[in-house]
Amino acid sequence: MRKMKIMMKSEAVLKHTTRRGLTIYGVALHSGISPTHMYNMMSGRRNASPRVALAIAKTLRVDVTDIFDISYQTQDQPEA
């Protein structure tokens, strides 16, 4: 089983946020997530879900891979 890990590239998010004339708070609201969740992703305390990553990328008008690192982890399946 593979688990997706979506980590925010905080510096890239800040750069694109500034270019769009927004704040991190504004990006969160326009993306439909709480500012607290946005700040937790910015600090690396939380990962993004695919839905959240796409919403933020759409708000900033960038490709999701411009602002997120996406990796896959293989998990051992439990024995039956």
C-alpha atoms as a PDB file:
ATOM      1  CA  MET A   1       0.000   0.000   0.000  1.00  0.00           C
ATOM      2  CA  ARG A   2       1.319   3.465  -0.891  1.00  0.00           C
ATOM      3  CA  LYS A   3       0.620   6.585   1.128  1.00  0.00           C
ATOM      4  CA  MET A   4       0.815  10.023  -0.467  1.00  0.00           C
ATOM      5  CA  LYS A   5       2.664  12.745   1.432  1.00  0.00           C
ATOM      6  CA  ILE A   6       2.041  16.325   0.285  1.00  0.00           C
ATOM      7  CA  MET A   7       4.363  18.857   1.920  1.00  0.00           C
ATOM      8  CA  MET A   8       4.007  22.583   1.311  1.00  0.00           C
ATOM      9  CA  LYS A   9       6.960  24.536  -0.091  1.00  0.00           C
ATOM     10  CA  SER A  10       6.503  27.504   2.248  1.00  0.00           C
ATOM     11  CA  GLU A  11       8.889  29.897   0.494  1.00  0.00           C
ATOM     12  CA  ALA A  12       7.253  29.210  -2.876  1.00  0.00           C
ATOM     13  CA  VAL A  13       3.802  29.781  -1.382  1.00  0.00           C
ATOM     14  CA  LEU A  14       4.944  33.101   0.100  1.00  0.00           C
ATOM     15  CA  LYS A  15       6.422  34.179  -3.242  1.00  0.00           C
ATOM     16  CA  HIS A  16       3.262  33.390  -5.205  1.00  0.00           C
ATOM     17  CA  THR A  17       1.033  34.854  -2.490  1.00  0.00           C
ATOM     18  CA  THR A  18       2.920  38.157  -2.667  1.00  0.00           C
ATOM     19  CA  ARG A  19       2.802  38.175  -6.470  1.00  0.00           C
ATOM     20  CA  ARG A  20      -0.980  37.777  -6.360  1.00  0.00           C
ATOM     21  CA  GLY A  21      -1.288  40.622  -3.841  1.00  0.00           C
ATOM     22  CA  LEU A  22      -2.747  38.310  -1.209  1.00  0.00           C
ATOM     23  CA  THR A  23      -1.947  37.354   2.360  1.00  0.00           C
ATOM     24  CA  ILE A  24      -1.595  33.824   3.712  1.00  0.00           C
ATOM     25  CA  TYR A  25      -4.858  34.432   5.559  1.00  0.00           C
ATOM     26  CA  GLY A  26      -6.525  35.457   2.292  1.00  0.00           C
ATOM     27  CA  VAL A  27      -5.187  32.419   0.437  1.00  0.00           C
ATOM     28  CA  ALA A  28      -6.621  30.190   3.155  1.00  0.00           C
ATOM     29  CA  LEU A  29     -10.058  31.795   2.965  1.00  0.00           C
ATOM     30  CA  HIS A  30     -10.152  31.787  -0.862  1.00  0.00           C
ATOM     31  CA  SER A  31      -9.087  28.123  -0.810  1.00  0.00           C
ATOM     32  CA  GLY A  32     -11.844  27.125   1.614  1.00  0.00           C
ATOM     33  CA  ILE A  33      -9.587  26.107   4.499  1.00  0.00           C
ATOM     34  CA  SER A  34      -9.039  27.557   7.937  1.00  0.00           C
ATOM     35  CA  PRO A  35      -6.155  29.969   8.432  1.00  0.00           C
ATOM     36  CA  THR A  36      -4.934  27.736  11.280  1.00  0.00           C
ATOM     37  CA  HIS A  37      -4.667  24.752   8.936  1.00  0.00           C
ATOM     38  CA  MET A  38      -2.837  26.933   6.386  1.00  0.00           C
ATOM     39  CA  TYR A  39      -0.315  28.110   8.990  1.00  0.00           C
ATOM     40  CA  ASN A  40       0.192  24.517  10.196  1.00  0.00           C
ATOM     41  CA  MET A  41       1.014  23.441   6.633  1.00  0.00           C
ATOM     42  CA  MET A  42       3.322  26.442   6.198  1.00  0.00           C
ATOM     43  CA  SER A  43       5.264  25.463   9.321  1.00  0.00           C
ATOM     44  CA  GLY A  44       5.471  21.790   8.334  1.00  0.00           C
ATOM     45  CA  ARG A  45       3.315  20.581  11.222  1.00  0.00           C
ATOM     46  CA  ARG A  46       0.615  19.300   8.839  1.00  0.00           C
ATOM     47  CA  ASN A  47       0.521  17.808   5.358  1.00  0.00           C
ATOM     48  CA  ALA A  48      -2.016  18.817   2.752  1.00  0.00           C
ATOM     49  CA  SER A  49      -4.697  16.558   1.350  1.00  0.00           C
ATOM     50  CA  PRO A  50      -4.930  16.368  -2.449  1.00  0.00           C
ATOM     51  CA  ARG A  51      -8.113  18.489  -2.349  1.00  0.00           C
ATOM     52  CA  VAL A  52      -6.491  21.210  -0.237  1.00  0.00           C
ATOM     53  CA  ALA A  53      -3.320  21.239  -2.353  1.00  0.00           C
ATOM     54  CA  LEU A  54      -5.364  21.692  -5.533  1.00  0.00           C
ATOM     55  CA  ALA A  55      -7.502  24.438  -3.974  1.00  0.00           C
ATOM     56  CA  ILE A  56      -4.443  26.427  -2.878  1.00  0.00           C
ATOM     57  CA  ALA A  57      -2.765  25.995  -6.274  1.00  0.00           C
ATOM     58  CA  LYS A  58      -5.957  27.181  -7.996  1.00  0.00           C
ATOM     59  CA  THR A  59      -6.168  30.232  -5.722  1.00  0.00           C
ATOM     60  CA  LEU A  60      -2.544  31.136  -6.496  1.00  0.00           C
ATOM     61  CA  ARG A  61      -2.939  30.216 -10.201  1.00  0.00           C
ATOM     62  CA  VAL A  62       0.080  27.902 -10.202  1.00  0.00           C
ATOM     63  CA  ASP A  63       0.714  24.218 -10.798  1.00  0.00           C
ATOM     64  CA  VAL A  64       0.378  22.159  -7.626  1.00  0.00           C
ATOM     65  CA  THR A  65       3.986  20.941  -7.999  1.00  0.00           C
ATOM     66  CA  ASP A  66       5.200  24.562  -7.886  1.00  0.00           C
ATOM     67  CA  ILE A  67       4.116  24.876  -4.257  1.00  0.00           C
ATOM     68  CA  PHE A  68       4.005  21.294  -2.942  1.00  0.00           C
ATOM     69  CA  ASP A  69       6.441  18.387  -2.742  1.00  0.00           C
ATOM     70  CA  ILE A  70       4.562  15.160  -3.409  1.00  0.00           C
ATOM     71  CA  SER A  71       6.070  11.853  -2.379  1.00  0.00           C
ATOM     72  CA  TYR A  72       4.835   8.330  -1.850  1.00  0.00           C
ATOM     73  CA  GLN A  73       5.651   6.053   1.052  1.00  0.00           C
ATOM     74  CA  THR A  74       5.228   2.317   0.841  1.00  0.00           C
ATOM     75  CA  GLN A  75       3.556   0.828   3.873  1.00  0.00           C
ATOM     76  CA  ASP A  76       3.669  -2.832   4.725  1.00  0.00           C
ATOM     77  CA  GLN A  77       0.223  -4.293   4.583  1.00  0.00           C
ATOM     78  CA  PRO A  78      -0.839  -5.931   7.848  1.00  0.00           C
ATOM     79  CA  GLU A  79      -0.857  -9.697   7.880  1.00  0.00           C
ATOM     80  CA  ALA A  80      -4.279 -11.324   7.809  1.00  0.00           C
END
